[in-house]
Protein backbone atom coordinates (compact mmCIF):
# COMPACT_ATOMS: atom_id res chain seq x y z
CA UNK A 1 -74.38 10.39 2.69
CA UNK A 2 -70.84 12.11 3.43
CA UNK A 3 -70.54 12.93 6.95
CA UNK A 4 -67.93 15.96 7.91
CA UNK A 5 -67.26 17.99 11.00
CA UNK A 6 -67.26 21.62 10.76
CA UNK A 7 -64.28 24.26 12.46
CA UNK A 8 -61.73 21.45 12.37
CA UNK A 9 -58.92 24.57 12.29
CA UNK A 10 -60.50 25.84 15.64
CA UNK A 11 -58.56 24.77 18.91
CA UNK A 12 -62.24 23.27 20.07
CA UNK A 13 -61.82 20.42 17.58
CA UNK A 14 -58.31 19.73 18.55
CA UNK A 15 -59.06 15.91 20.20
CA UNK A 16 -55.32 16.39 21.65
CA UNK A 17 -56.35 19.29 23.81
CA UNK A 18 -57.58 18.87 27.34
CA UNK A 19 -60.90 19.12 27.15
CA UNK A 20 -61.04 22.21 29.42
CA UNK A 21 -58.67 24.45 27.02
CA UNK A 22 -61.43 23.25 24.04
CA UNK A 23 -64.23 24.05 26.27
CA UNK A 24 -63.17 27.89 27.02
CA UNK A 25 -62.05 28.09 23.45
CA UNK A 26 -65.96 27.35 22.37
CA UNK A 27 -67.32 29.15 24.68
CA UNK A 28 -65.21 32.42 23.85
CA UNK A 29 -66.62 32.18 19.99
CA UNK A 30 -69.96 31.90 21.05
CA UNK A 31 -72.90 34.50 20.99
CA UNK A 32 -75.05 35.00 23.80
CA UNK A 33 -77.97 33.13 21.60
CA UNK A 34 -75.53 30.49 20.44
CA UNK A 35 -75.51 30.07 24.94
CA UNK A 36 -79.36 30.11 25.14
CA UNK A 37 -79.87 27.40 22.61
CA UNK A 38 -78.06 25.07 24.72
CA UNK A 39 -79.89 25.63 28.18
CA UNK A 40 -82.49 24.06 26.81
CA UNK A 41 -83.17 20.23 26.62
CA UNK A 42 -86.50 19.54 24.42
CA UNK A 43 -87.85 17.18 22.47
CA UNK A 44 -87.84 16.19 18.47
CA UNK A 45 -89.49 13.19 16.47
CA UNK A 46 -88.72 11.97 13.21
CA UNK A 47 -90.71 10.10 9.91
CA UNK A 48 -90.24 6.30 10.72
CA UNK A 49 -88.44 5.94 6.96
CA UNK A 50 -85.59 8.30 9.05
CA UNK A 51 -86.26 11.38 7.62
CA UNK A 52 -86.57 14.45 9.76
CA UNK A 53 -89.70 16.05 10.75
CA UNK A 54 -90.27 19.88 9.95
CA UNK A 55 -92.32 22.95 9.49
CA UNK A 56 -95.59 22.24 7.81
CA UNK A 57 -94.88 17.95 7.96
CA UNK A 58 -97.63 15.30 9.01
CA UNK A 59 -96.14 13.37 12.23
CA UNK A 60 -96.67 12.61 15.42
CA UNK A 61 -95.97 15.66 17.46
CA UNK A 62 -95.63 18.92 14.49
CA UNK A 63 -91.90 20.02 15.24
CA UNK A 64 -89.26 21.72 12.42
CA UNK A 65 -86.12 20.43 13.34
CA UNK A 66 -84.32 22.82 11.28
CA UNK A 67 -85.19 25.76 13.75
CA UNK A 68 -84.57 24.53 16.54
CA UNK A 69 -81.16 23.83 15.03
CA UNK A 70 -80.60 26.26 13.09
CA UNK A 71 -82.23 29.46 14.69
CA UNK A 72 -82.74 27.84 17.97
CA UNK A 73 -79.35 27.17 18.62
CA UNK A 74 -80.43 24.07 20.37
CA UNK A 75 -78.40 20.50 20.54
CA UNK A 76 -80.09 18.36 23.09
CA UNK A 77 -83.03 16.34 21.88
CA UNK A 78 -84.82 13.58 23.22
CA UNK A 79 -86.61 11.40 20.73
CA UNK A 80 -90.31 10.78 20.97
CA UNK A 81 -91.31 6.94 19.18
CA UNK A 82 -90.65 3.27 18.75
CA UNK A 83 -88.32 3.45 15.29
CA UNK A 84 -86.49 0.45 13.88
CA UNK A 85 -82.57 0.31 14.61
CA UNK A 86 -81.54 1.12 10.92
CA UNK A 87 -84.43 4.37 10.64
CA UNK A 88 -83.25 5.62 13.94
CA UNK A 89 -79.43 5.51 12.99
CA UNK A 90 -80.05 7.22 9.63
CA UNK A 91 -82.18 10.22 11.42
CA UNK A 92 -79.65 10.31 14.21
CA UNK A 93 -76.64 11.04 11.22
CA UNK A 94 -79.01 13.23 9.26
CA UNK A 95 -79.55 15.07 12.34
CA UNK A 96 -75.66 15.50 13.86
CA UNK A 97 -74.87 16.57 9.41
CA UNK A 98 -77.32 19.49 10.05
CA UNK A 99 -75.51 20.47 13.42
CA UNK A 100 -72.30 19.88 11.90
CA UNK A 101 -73.04 22.40 9.39
CA UNK A 102 -74.15 25.57 11.65
CA UNK A 103 -72.17 28.08 12.55
CA UNK A 104 -70.17 26.48 15.89
CA UNK A 105 -70.49 22.87 14.43
CA UNK A 106 -71.75 21.74 18.09
CA UNK A 107 -72.86 18.26 17.79
CA UNK A 108 -76.50 16.90 18.94
CA UNK A 109 -76.59 15.02 22.59
CA UNK A 110 -79.61 12.42 21.86
CA UNK A 111 -81.59 11.39 24.73
CA UNK A 112 -84.47 9.02 25.01
CA UNK A 113 -86.37 8.10 28.35
CA UNK A 114 -86.62 4.05 29.18
CA UNK A 115 -87.54 1.74 26.13
CA UNK A 116 -86.41 -1.84 27.47
CA UNK A 117 -89.76 -2.58 28.91
CA UNK A 118 -93.31 -3.00 28.74
CA UNK A 119 -94.43 0.26 29.60
CA UNK A 120 -96.08 2.31 26.52
CA UNK A 121 -96.49 5.97 28.54
CA UNK A 122 -95.48 8.62 26.32
CA UNK A 123 -94.90 11.21 29.65
CA UNK A 124 -92.65 8.76 30.46
CA UNK A 125 -91.36 5.69 28.77
CA UNK A 126 -91.64 3.97 25.78
CA UNK A 127 -92.14 -0.06 25.15
CA UNK A 128 -89.13 -2.07 24.20
CA UNK A 129 -90.45 -2.40 20.22
CA UNK A 130 -86.89 -3.89 18.22
CA UNK A 131 -85.03 -3.17 21.54
CA UNK A 132 -84.21 -6.16 24.49
CA UNK A 133 -87.05 -6.46 26.16
CA UNK A 134 -86.50 -6.57 30.10
CA UNK A 135 -88.81 -6.14 32.97
CA UNK A 136 -89.62 -3.04 34.36
CA UNK A 137 -87.29 -1.60 37.11
CA UNK A 138 -89.61 -2.21 39.94
CA UNK A 139 -88.66 -6.09 38.46
CA UNK A 140 -84.91 -5.81 38.79
CA UNK A 141 -85.78 -4.63 42.32
CA UNK A 142 -87.61 -7.99 43.00
CA UNK A 143 -84.53 -9.79 41.83
CA UNK A 144 -82.19 -7.62 44.54
CA UNK A 145 -79.13 -8.42 42.38
CA UNK A 146 -76.73 -5.88 41.47
CA UNK A 147 -74.96 -7.93 39.09
CA UNK A 148 -77.91 -8.60 36.79
CA UNK A 149 -78.30 -4.31 37.21
CA UNK A 150 -75.12 -3.93 35.61
CA UNK A 151 -76.13 -6.92 32.80
CA UNK A 152 -79.36 -4.64 32.04
CA UNK A 153 -77.27 -0.98 32.07
CA UNK A 154 -74.50 -2.35 30.12
CA UNK A 155 -76.94 -3.95 27.65
CA UNK A 156 -78.68 -0.65 27.47
CA UNK A 157 -75.58 1.28 26.53
CA UNK A 158 -74.27 -1.09 23.72
CA UNK A 159 -77.89 -1.13 21.95
CA UNK A 160 -78.44 2.84 22.59
CA UNK A 161 -74.93 3.59 21.24
CA UNK A 162 -75.75 1.79 18.14
CA UNK A 163 -78.32 4.11 17.32
CA UNK A 164 -76.91 7.53 18.79
CA UNK A 165 -78.32 7.77 22.63
CA UNK A 166 -75.71 9.69 24.43
CA UNK A 167 -77.89 10.06 27.23
CA UNK A 168 -80.52 8.12 29.57
CA UNK A 169 -83.40 10.04 30.88
CA UNK A 170 -82.66 7.51 33.83
CA UNK A 171 -82.80 5.95 35.93
CA UNK A 172 -85.59 6.49 38.47
CA UNK A 173 -84.82 6.60 42.43
CA UNK A 174 -87.59 7.33 43.66
CA UNK A 175 -89.02 5.80 46.85
CA UNK A 176 -92.19 4.13 46.22
CA UNK A 177 -93.35 4.96 49.59
CA UNK A 178 -97.23 5.82 48.32
CA UNK A 179 -98.93 2.98 47.27
CA UNK A 180 -101.00 5.14 44.81
CA UNK A 181 -98.29 6.78 43.10
CA UNK A 182 -98.60 5.80 39.22
CA UNK A 183 -94.66 6.05 38.76
CA UNK A 184 -93.73 3.35 40.70
CA UNK A 185 -92.87 0.62 37.80
CA UNK A 186 -90.13 2.99 37.09
CA UNK A 187 -88.31 2.42 40.79
CA UNK A 188 -86.28 -0.06 42.10
CA UNK A 189 -89.26 -0.43 44.76
CA UNK A 190 -89.47 0.86 48.61
CA UNK A 191 -86.31 -0.43 50.48
CA UNK A 192 -83.69 3.17 50.69
CA UNK A 193 -80.53 0.46 50.93
CA UNK A 194 -81.42 -1.59 47.77
CA UNK A 195 -82.23 1.55 45.41
CA UNK A 196 -78.93 2.71 46.82
CA UNK A 197 -77.20 -0.55 45.68
CA UNK A 198 -78.75 -0.89 42.61
CA UNK A 199 -78.68 2.29 41.22
CA UNK A 200 -74.50 2.76 41.71
CA UNK A 201 -74.70 -0.97 39.39
CA UNK A 202 -77.29 0.60 36.81
CA UNK A 203 -74.73 4.32 36.54
CA UNK A 204 -72.09 2.01 36.14
CA UNK A 205 -73.43 0.17 33.92
CA UNK A 206 -74.64 2.94 31.30
CA UNK A 207 -71.49 5.27 31.94
CA UNK A 208 -68.74 2.73 33.14
CA UNK A 209 -66.02 3.63 35.10
CA UNK A 210 -65.72 6.95 34.55
CA UNK A 211 -67.80 9.18 32.04
CA UNK A 212 -66.12 9.13 28.39
CA UNK A 213 -66.52 7.91 24.50
CA UNK A 214 -68.04 4.42 25.15
CA UNK A 215 -71.14 5.93 27.56
CA UNK A 216 -74.52 6.71 27.98
CA UNK A 217 -74.82 9.68 30.68
CA UNK A 218 -77.29 9.28 33.05
CA UNK A 219 -79.97 11.49 33.92
CA UNK A 220 -80.98 10.71 37.51
CA UNK A 221 -84.26 11.51 38.74
CA UNK A 222 -86.40 12.99 39.94
CA UNK A 223 -84.27 14.83 43.08
CA UNK A 224 -84.48 14.75 46.10
CA UNK A 225 -87.17 11.83 45.84
CA UNK A 226 -90.67 12.13 43.81
CA UNK A 227 -92.27 9.32 46.29
CA UNK A 228 -94.15 11.45 48.80
CA UNK A 229 -96.87 12.52 46.71
CA UNK A 230 -100.21 13.64 48.47
CA UNK A 231 -102.66 11.17 47.68
CA UNK A 232 -100.93 9.48 45.64
CA UNK A 233 -101.40 11.97 42.76
CA UNK A 234 -98.92 12.77 40.23
CA UNK A 235 -97.19 15.98 39.70
CA UNK A 236 -97.70 16.02 36.02
CA UNK A 237 -100.73 17.68 36.59
CA UNK A 238 -101.98 20.89 39.02
CA UNK A 239 -104.16 18.20 41.58
CA UNK A 240 -101.06 16.38 42.18
CA UNK A 241 -98.54 19.00 43.08
CA UNK A 242 -97.92 18.59 46.98
CA UNK A 243 -95.08 16.81 47.68
CA UNK A 244 -95.62 15.87 51.84
CA UNK A 245 -93.50 14.33 54.85
CA UNK A 246 -95.88 14.12 57.39
CA UNK A 247 -93.13 10.82 58.51
CA UNK A 248 -90.40 12.93 58.56
CA UNK A 249 -88.52 10.68 56.51
CA UNK A 250 -87.27 13.61 54.26
CA UNK A 251 -83.06 12.48 54.35
CA UNK A 252 -84.42 8.53 53.62
CA UNK A 253 -85.62 9.87 50.22
CA UNK A 254 -82.38 11.46 49.83
CA UNK A 255 -79.97 7.73 50.52
CA UNK A 256 -80.37 6.61 46.26
CA UNK A 257 -79.79 9.88 44.96
CA UNK A 258 -75.95 10.26 47.52
CA UNK A 259 -75.37 6.77 46.14
CA UNK A 260 -76.18 7.91 42.25
CA UNK A 261 -73.33 11.05 43.32
CA UNK A 262 -71.15 8.76 44.68
CA UNK A 263 -71.19 6.40 41.70
CA UNK A 264 -70.40 9.19 39.29
CA UNK A 265 -73.72 9.94 38.01
CA UNK A 266 -73.88 12.77 34.95
CA UNK A 267 -76.85 14.46 35.42
CA UNK A 268 -79.46 15.10 37.78
CA UNK A 269 -83.57 15.57 37.23
CA UNK A 270 -85.21 17.86 39.82
CA UNK A 271 -89.06 16.63 40.21
CA UNK A 272 -92.28 18.86 40.02
CA UNK A 273 -93.24 18.20 43.02
CA UNK A 274 -94.35 21.20 45.73
CA UNK A 275 -92.82 20.52 49.00
CA UNK A 276 -95.33 21.15 51.16
CA UNK A 277 -95.05 22.09 55.47
CA UNK A 278 -91.24 21.96 55.50
CA UNK A 279 -87.88 24.23 55.74
CA UNK A 280 -88.07 23.91 52.07
CA UNK A 281 -89.38 27.08 50.21
CA UNK A 282 -93.23 25.90 48.47
CA UNK A 283 -92.37 25.84 45.10
CA UNK A 284 -91.45 22.97 42.76
CA UNK A 285 -88.34 21.60 42.93
CA UNK A 286 -86.96 22.42 39.70
CA UNK A 287 -87.24 26.36 40.19
CA UNK A 288 -86.22 26.22 44.46
CA UNK A 289 -83.09 27.28 45.10
CA UNK A 290 -82.96 25.44 48.31
CA UNK A 291 -82.77 22.41 47.48
CA UNK A 292 -80.99 22.80 44.16
CA UNK A 293 -78.16 25.32 44.75
CA UNK A 294 -78.23 24.50 48.58
CA UNK A 295 -79.13 21.09 49.10
CA UNK A 296 -77.93 19.14 45.30
CA UNK A 297 -74.69 21.25 44.90
CA UNK A 298 -73.32 22.76 48.13
CA UNK A 299 -74.13 20.11 50.40
CA UNK A 300 -74.20 17.11 48.51
CA UNK A 301 -71.46 18.07 46.28
CA UNK A 302 -72.58 17.41 42.77
CA UNK A 303 -71.39 19.00 39.86
CA UNK A 304 -73.34 17.53 36.87
CA UNK A 305 -75.76 18.96 34.56
CA UNK A 306 -79.32 19.94 36.06
CA UNK A 307 -81.67 19.52 33.92
CA UNK A 308 -85.55 20.56 35.15
CA UNK A 309 -88.52 18.18 34.36
CA UNK A 310 -90.13 18.65 31.11
CA UNK A 311 -92.64 21.67 30.90
CA UNK A 312 -91.98 24.01 33.04
CA UNK A 313 -92.07 27.32 31.65
CA UNK A 314 -94.60 27.59 29.19
CA UNK A 315 -98.61 26.17 28.60
CA UNK A 316 -98.24 22.90 26.07
CA UNK A 317 -100.88 21.40 24.19
CA UNK A 318 -101.05 17.11 24.69
CA UNK A 319 -103.17 15.31 22.38
CA UNK A 320 -104.94 18.09 21.63
CA UNK A 321 -105.79 19.10 25.51
CA UNK A 322 -104.24 22.48 27.41
CA UNK A 323 -101.81 21.71 30.02
CA UNK A 324 -100.70 24.09 32.23
CA UNK A 325 -96.57 24.88 32.64
CA UNK A 326 -95.58 22.81 35.65
CA UNK A 327 -94.38 25.87 37.61
CA UNK A 328 -95.51 24.98 41.33
CA UNK A 329 -95.56 27.66 43.43
CA UNK A 330 -94.85 30.45 40.73
CA UNK A 331 -98.26 30.12 38.38
CA UNK A 332 -98.32 33.46 39.22
CA UNK A 333 -95.25 34.34 37.17
CA UNK A 334 -94.72 35.10 33.65
CA UNK A 335 -92.56 33.14 31.76
CA UNK A 336 -89.90 35.06 31.60
CA UNK A 337 -89.44 35.37 35.51
CA UNK A 338 -89.95 31.32 35.67
CA UNK A 339 -86.77 31.18 33.46
CA UNK A 340 -85.21 33.90 36.12
CA UNK A 341 -85.98 31.76 38.48
CA UNK A 342 -84.94 28.59 37.70
CA UNK A 343 -81.58 29.83 36.47
CA UNK A 344 -81.19 31.36 40.10
CA UNK A 345 -81.86 28.03 41.76
CA UNK A 346 -78.69 26.65 40.01
CA UNK A 347 -80.41 24.52 36.91
CA UNK A 348 -78.51 24.09 33.73
CA UNK A 349 -80.78 23.44 31.17
CA UNK A 350 -84.73 23.88 30.77
CA UNK A 351 -86.38 20.15 30.33
CA UNK A 352 -89.50 19.88 27.02
CA UNK A 353 -88.53 23.99 26.38
CA UNK A 354 -87.54 25.20 23.44
CA UNK A 355 -87.38 29.06 24.43
CA UNK A 356 -84.05 30.69 24.20
CA UNK A 357 -85.03 34.29 23.25
CA UNK A 358 -86.46 34.30 26.99
CA UNK A 359 -82.88 33.66 28.47
CA UNK A 360 -81.73 35.97 25.63
CA UNK A 361 -83.95 38.74 26.70
CA UNK A 362 -82.56 38.35 30.31
CA UNK A 363 -78.86 38.67 29.19
CA UNK A 364 -79.94 41.61 27.20
CA UNK A 365 -81.54 43.39 29.87
CA UNK A 366 -79.05 43.02 32.55
CA UNK A 367 -81.26 41.26 35.06
CA UNK A 368 -79.09 37.59 34.02
CA UNK A 369 -75.59 38.63 33.93
CA UNK A 370 -73.97 35.95 30.80
CA UNK A 371 -71.21 34.95 33.00
CA UNK A 372 -74.50 32.53 34.28
CA UNK A 373 -74.92 31.40 31.28
CA UNK A 374 -71.49 30.48 30.72
CA UNK A 375 -71.05 28.17 34.54
CA UNK A 376 -74.29 26.52 32.96
CA UNK A 377 -72.30 26.00 29.40
CA UNK A 378 -69.28 24.57 31.08
CA UNK A 379 -70.48 21.73 32.22
CA UNK A 380 -73.13 21.14 29.05
CA UNK A 381 -70.16 21.36 26.87
CA UNK A 382 -67.85 19.94 28.94
CA UNK A 383 -69.95 16.38 28.74
CA UNK A 384 -70.51 16.78 25.18
CA UNK A 385 -66.50 16.61 24.59
CA UNK A 386 -66.32 14.04 27.33
CA UNK A 387 -68.73 11.46 25.19
CA UNK A 388 -66.36 12.28 21.98
CA UNK A 389 -69.16 13.68 20.06
CA UNK A 390 -67.30 16.85 19.03
CA UNK A 391 -64.94 14.01 17.45
CA UNK A 392 -67.39 11.37 15.79
CA UNK A 393 -71.25 11.75 16.19
CA UNK A 394 -71.70 9.59 13.53
CA UNK A 395 -72.89 5.82 14.39
CA UNK A 396 -73.13 2.77 11.58
CA UNK A 397 -76.73 1.98 10.42
CA UNK A 398 -75.75 -1.80 9.29
CA UNK A 399 -74.31 -2.12 12.90
CA UNK A 400 -77.66 -0.43 14.78
CA UNK A 401 -79.74 -3.01 13.01
CA UNK A 402 -77.24 -6.01 14.32
CA UNK A 403 -77.13 -4.62 17.98
CA UNK A 404 -80.46 -3.66 18.71
CA UNK A 405 -82.62 -6.65 19.96
CA UNK A 406 -79.54 -9.04 19.40
CA UNK A 407 -80.28 -12.81 20.12
CA UNK A 408 -78.01 -12.92 23.50
CA UNK A 409 -79.59 -9.70 24.48
CA UNK A 410 -83.02 -10.91 24.23
CA UNK A 411 -82.45 -14.07 25.67
CA UNK A 412 -81.33 -12.34 28.59
CA UNK A 413 -83.76 -10.25 28.93
CA UNK A 414 -86.41 -12.77 28.51
CA UNK A 415 -84.40 -14.76 31.68
CA UNK A 416 -85.06 -11.68 34.12
CA UNK A 417 -88.34 -12.03 33.11
CA UNK A 418 -88.83 -15.35 33.91
CA UNK A 419 -86.44 -14.66 37.47
CA UNK A 420 -88.61 -11.43 38.71
CA UNK A 421 -91.76 -13.64 38.80
CA UNK A 422 -92.79 -14.05 42.25
CA UNK A 423 -94.83 -16.30 43.55
CA UNK A 424 -96.97 -15.46 46.78
CA UNK A 425 -99.17 -19.00 46.96
CA UNK A 426 -99.08 -21.97 45.83
CA UNK A 427 -102.10 -23.86 47.50
CA UNK A 428 -101.94 -27.74 47.25
CA UNK A 429 -98.27 -28.01 45.72
CA UNK A 430 -100.36 -26.39 41.92
CA UNK A 431 -97.34 -25.92 40.82
CA UNK A 432 -95.25 -26.61 38.39
CA UNK A 433 -97.65 -28.44 36.21
CA UNK A 434 -96.19 -31.69 35.16
CA UNK A 435 -98.78 -32.34 32.20
CA UNK A 436 -100.54 -31.06 29.36
CA UNK A 437 -104.16 -29.83 31.00
CA UNK A 438 -106.94 -29.01 29.94
CA UNK A 439 -106.29 -25.10 30.05
CA UNK A 440 -108.80 -22.24 30.13
CA UNK A 441 -106.84 -18.72 29.94
CA UNK A 442 -107.46 -14.88 30.21
CA UNK A 443 -105.38 -12.15 28.91
CA UNK A 444 -102.99 -15.03 28.11
CA UNK A 445 -102.48 -15.21 24.26
CA UNK A 446 -103.91 -18.63 23.31
CA UNK A 447 -101.39 -19.35 20.50
CA UNK A 448 -98.65 -19.10 23.47
CA UNK A 449 -100.60 -21.79 25.83
CA UNK A 450 -101.21 -24.18 23.52
CA UNK A 451 -97.67 -25.08 23.41
CA UNK A 452 -98.01 -26.08 27.05
CA UNK A 453 -101.42 -27.34 27.36
CA UNK A 454 -104.93 -28.52 25.53
CA UNK A 455 -107.05 -25.37 25.04
CA UNK A 456 -110.41 -25.49 26.09
CA UNK A 457 -112.96 -22.18 25.77
CA UNK A 458 -115.48 -22.99 28.72
CA UNK A 459 -113.61 -23.29 32.37
CA UNK A 460 -116.30 -25.94 33.23
CA UNK A 461 -114.15 -28.00 30.48
CA UNK A 462 -110.93 -27.18 32.70
CA UNK A 463 -108.87 -28.54 34.94
CA UNK A 464 -106.75 -25.48 35.51
CA UNK A 465 -107.22 -21.62 34.53
CA UNK A 466 -104.15 -19.06 34.23
CA UNK A 467 -105.57 -15.18 34.62
CA UNK A 468 -103.30 -12.44 33.56
CA UNK A 469 -104.49 -8.90 35.50
CA UNK A 470 -103.36 -5.53 35.90
CA UNK A 471 -103.41 -3.41 38.78
CA UNK A 472 -106.46 -1.75 39.02
CA UNK A 473 -106.63 2.45 38.87
CA UNK A 474 -109.43 4.86 38.37
CA UNK A 475 -109.80 6.31 34.85
CA UNK A 476 -109.05 9.75 34.37
CA UNK A 477 -111.04 11.48 31.12
CA UNK A 478 -107.93 13.73 30.10
CA UNK A 479 -106.24 11.73 28.16
CA UNK A 480 -102.09 12.44 29.04
CA UNK A 481 -103.20 12.01 32.45
CA UNK A 482 -105.41 8.31 31.51
CA UNK A 483 -101.19 7.01 30.99
CA UNK A 484 -100.48 8.05 34.88
CA UNK A 485 -102.38 5.22 36.72
CA UNK A 486 -103.44 6.38 39.67
CA UNK A 487 -105.89 6.56 41.92
CA UNK A 488 -107.35 3.52 43.54
CA UNK A 489 -105.19 0.17 43.63
CA UNK A 490 -108.97 -2.16 43.94
CA UNK A 491 -111.01 -4.06 41.99
CA UNK A 492 -114.96 -2.66 41.85
CA UNK A 493 -117.41 -5.30 43.56
CA UNK A 494 -118.77 -5.12 39.87
CA UNK A 495 -114.49 -5.89 38.19
CA UNK A 496 -113.84 -8.93 40.95
CA UNK A 497 -117.60 -10.54 40.42
CA UNK A 498 -116.15 -12.60 37.25
CA UNK A 499 -112.65 -13.00 39.02
CA UNK A 500 -114.19 -14.91 41.69
CA UNK A 501 -116.65 -17.13 39.98
CA UNK A 502 -113.92 -18.20 37.56
CA UNK A 503 -111.58 -19.13 40.95
CA UNK A 504 -114.38 -20.86 42.51
CA UNK A 505 -115.23 -22.70 39.41
CA UNK A 506 -111.46 -24.38 38.44
CA UNK A 507 -108.34 -23.88 40.06
CA UNK A 508 -107.17 -20.66 38.92
CA UNK A 509 -103.59 -19.10 38.20
CA UNK A 510 -103.67 -15.69 38.94
CA UNK A 511 -100.82 -13.33 37.59
CA UNK A 512 -101.48 -9.79 38.70
CA UNK A 513 -98.61 -7.47 36.64
CA UNK A 514 -97.87 -5.34 39.87
CA UNK A 515 -97.28 -1.24 38.30
CA UNK A 516 -98.62 -0.07 42.36
CA UNK A 517 -99.52 -2.00 44.93
CA UNK A 518 -103.13 -4.09 44.29
CA UNK A 519 -105.23 -4.44 47.01
CA UNK A 520 -106.54 -8.05 46.47
CA UNK A 521 -107.59 -9.92 49.29
CA UNK A 522 -109.84 -11.88 48.65
CA UNK A 523 -108.15 -12.90 45.17
CA UNK A 524 -105.39 -14.11 47.02
CA UNK A 525 -107.55 -16.10 49.24
CA UNK A 526 -109.30 -17.77 46.39
CA UNK A 527 -106.63 -18.02 43.75
CA UNK A 528 -104.98 -21.95 43.71
CA UNK A 529 -101.87 -19.75 42.74
CA UNK A 530 -100.98 -16.20 42.52
CA UNK A 531 -97.94 -14.30 41.32
CA UNK A 532 -96.78 -11.21 40.71
CA UNK A 533 -95.12 -9.79 37.31
CA UNK A 534 -93.24 -6.29 37.00
CA UNK A 535 -93.54 -6.56 32.89
CA UNK A 536 -92.87 -10.28 31.61
CA UNK A 537 -94.12 -11.94 28.71
CA UNK A 538 -96.82 -14.78 28.43
CA UNK A 539 -94.15 -17.47 27.67
CA UNK A 540 -92.20 -16.29 30.63
CA UNK A 541 -95.16 -16.85 33.01
CA UNK A 542 -96.17 -20.15 31.24
CA UNK A 543 -91.96 -21.35 31.24
CA UNK A 544 -93.24 -21.21 34.94
CA UNK A 545 -96.80 -22.33 35.66
CA UNK A 546 -95.39 -25.11 33.48
CA UNK A 547 -91.69 -25.71 36.08
CA UNK A 548 -89.50 -24.49 33.02
CA UNK A 549 -87.91 -21.87 34.74
CA UNK A 550 -87.80 -20.74 38.21
CA UNK A 551 -89.39 -17.83 39.74
CA UNK A 552 -87.24 -15.87 42.20
CA UNK A 553 -88.75 -12.33 42.74
CA UNK A 554 -89.51 -11.37 46.20
CA UNK A 555 -92.06 -8.08 46.57
CA UNK A 556 -90.40 -5.01 45.78
CA UNK A 557 -93.27 -3.18 48.12
CA UNK A 558 -96.06 -4.45 50.86
CA UNK A 559 -99.28 -5.30 49.45
CA UNK A 560 -101.87 -3.50 51.25
CA UNK A 561 -105.35 -5.01 52.90
CA UNK A 562 -107.89 -2.20 52.13
CA UNK A 563 -107.68 0.98 50.50
CA UNK A 564 -108.75 2.20 54.22
CA UNK A 565 -105.08 1.49 55.44
CA UNK A 566 -103.86 3.18 51.94
CA UNK A 567 -105.36 6.47 52.90
CA UNK A 568 -104.32 6.21 56.70
CA UNK A 569 -100.60 5.51 55.73
CA UNK A 570 -97.72 8.20 55.76
CA UNK A 571 -96.92 8.80 51.82
CA UNK A 572 -93.20 9.28 52.96
CA UNK A 573 -92.92 6.15 55.42
CA UNK A 574 -92.72 2.95 53.41
CA UNK A 575 -94.84 0.21 54.07
CA UNK A 576 -96.54 1.69 55.88
CA UNK A 577 -100.03 0.20 55.74
CA UNK A 578 -101.63 -1.61 58.94
CA UNK A 579 -101.90 -5.19 58.44
CA UNK A 580 -100.60 -5.65 54.71
CA UNK A 581 -102.10 -9.27 52.82
CA UNK A 582 -98.10 -9.46 51.69
CA UNK A 583 -95.14 -7.89 53.74
CA UNK A 584 -92.09 -6.05 51.19
CA UNK A 585 -89.96 -8.81 50.37
CA UNK A 586 -92.33 -11.89 50.36
CA UNK A 587 -92.32 -14.52 48.02
CA UNK A 588 -92.20 -18.67 48.09
């Protein structure tokens, strides 16, 4: 396919001119409808073969690419799903060619949720697929190493650029202060100072020393810190909308965001949470003028793009179930009134929405002046120009296939997985295991384990067992909510019984994936070895068990002794449970 760029005679297409002049020239040519479209950053899907999803297609998500680009004038999309790199590159080139064929030829800015680890949550992140696989961010935090975080972010940058992603919907720098909150695996843990150090390295790894043609812009989230959720529930859902500060630690949660701004982060995402019992208005942060305009812009001096979290305006259908718009505190307002509130709050873009006609109506009715749109458009268009999208938005399909999942990237990720494992107990020097024991495994690949030991199918015949577990959670009936692991952190008696029976029958290495802070005092007491992981392959775990690698991780948050202690803790105060089984920073 031959790709071209339209409107090459216009000044805004002249790469020799200053960006400010190019922005003003383009802005002067835009209709209100074209301006409105640029204020929406919504989802897009593709077919596995790299073709676009159009109206009436059978696809994972029923979206209409042509209608959004041409009729809606939208050019900011986050890609849903995991695909082969060459197909992603072909798709992005096709979408850019479609954008070039519109009246003004404004290129598309493609974004993505995290896709370099093991979590697969349709509302938050994708598993790595063809990309290099690393520990979750909470595992990078366990290593406390800004150089490693920079290496990770630089690898992400190179793999993203190969397929056309120019905006990362991350890093997530909320503090893990409420042990039950479902989003902790995407954070850098409970330590504000450590998170601040790591986010600086992360932003510079993705963006470089300054935003430019080889950068991926970072959308840092979730301002002003999403950790203090009441009862640890998530504000994607109405029963989790309240954000509380009983410990008076609101300023602590701001520290990582100050560091991100100082590092030059390009974009910021306010959270869904509705602050309760503070001097802030009790409406969700994305429509909260005191937080966005007052705190983020006026006090902290942030002048990058502010994009709301997804779905504040319209109700949506997800997995066949209706979910209300996350307009917490503004549920009583109409859709157009919510749009007006978000614009008045100081946000530039509506995440996960495709309703530019509402913005047009606000301008045409006189409720919102056109110069208010221009203020946001200057930020939005400037980043497109600085990233070089107007000059060359296309990617090399063959290079994409060679770059994504490259051997050195994959090995670096595997090395980080092994290093991030956290050894919490090692009774009697069980590790490292030197010989080929008779080994019983549960939730571990037998094919992988066979390279390390003689496998047996009955623990009674084993001299050692390896058991992998995940942090407990409450099952929720709603399919979308089931991806957000919330509620209890403790195993039920029924779940615990076979685990403890195995630990009593044979010396057992227990490896528990800490997406949240598990309550496991009985397991900690009776396991021969207890290891925490934050996203690691079976091979990475067994390399540590058999002495081929050294675990270096330290707990990024404490592990509470009981659910009673969790319920008694203050959601905004990190590491606030009484007498934890393991303190933050624990690790042998």
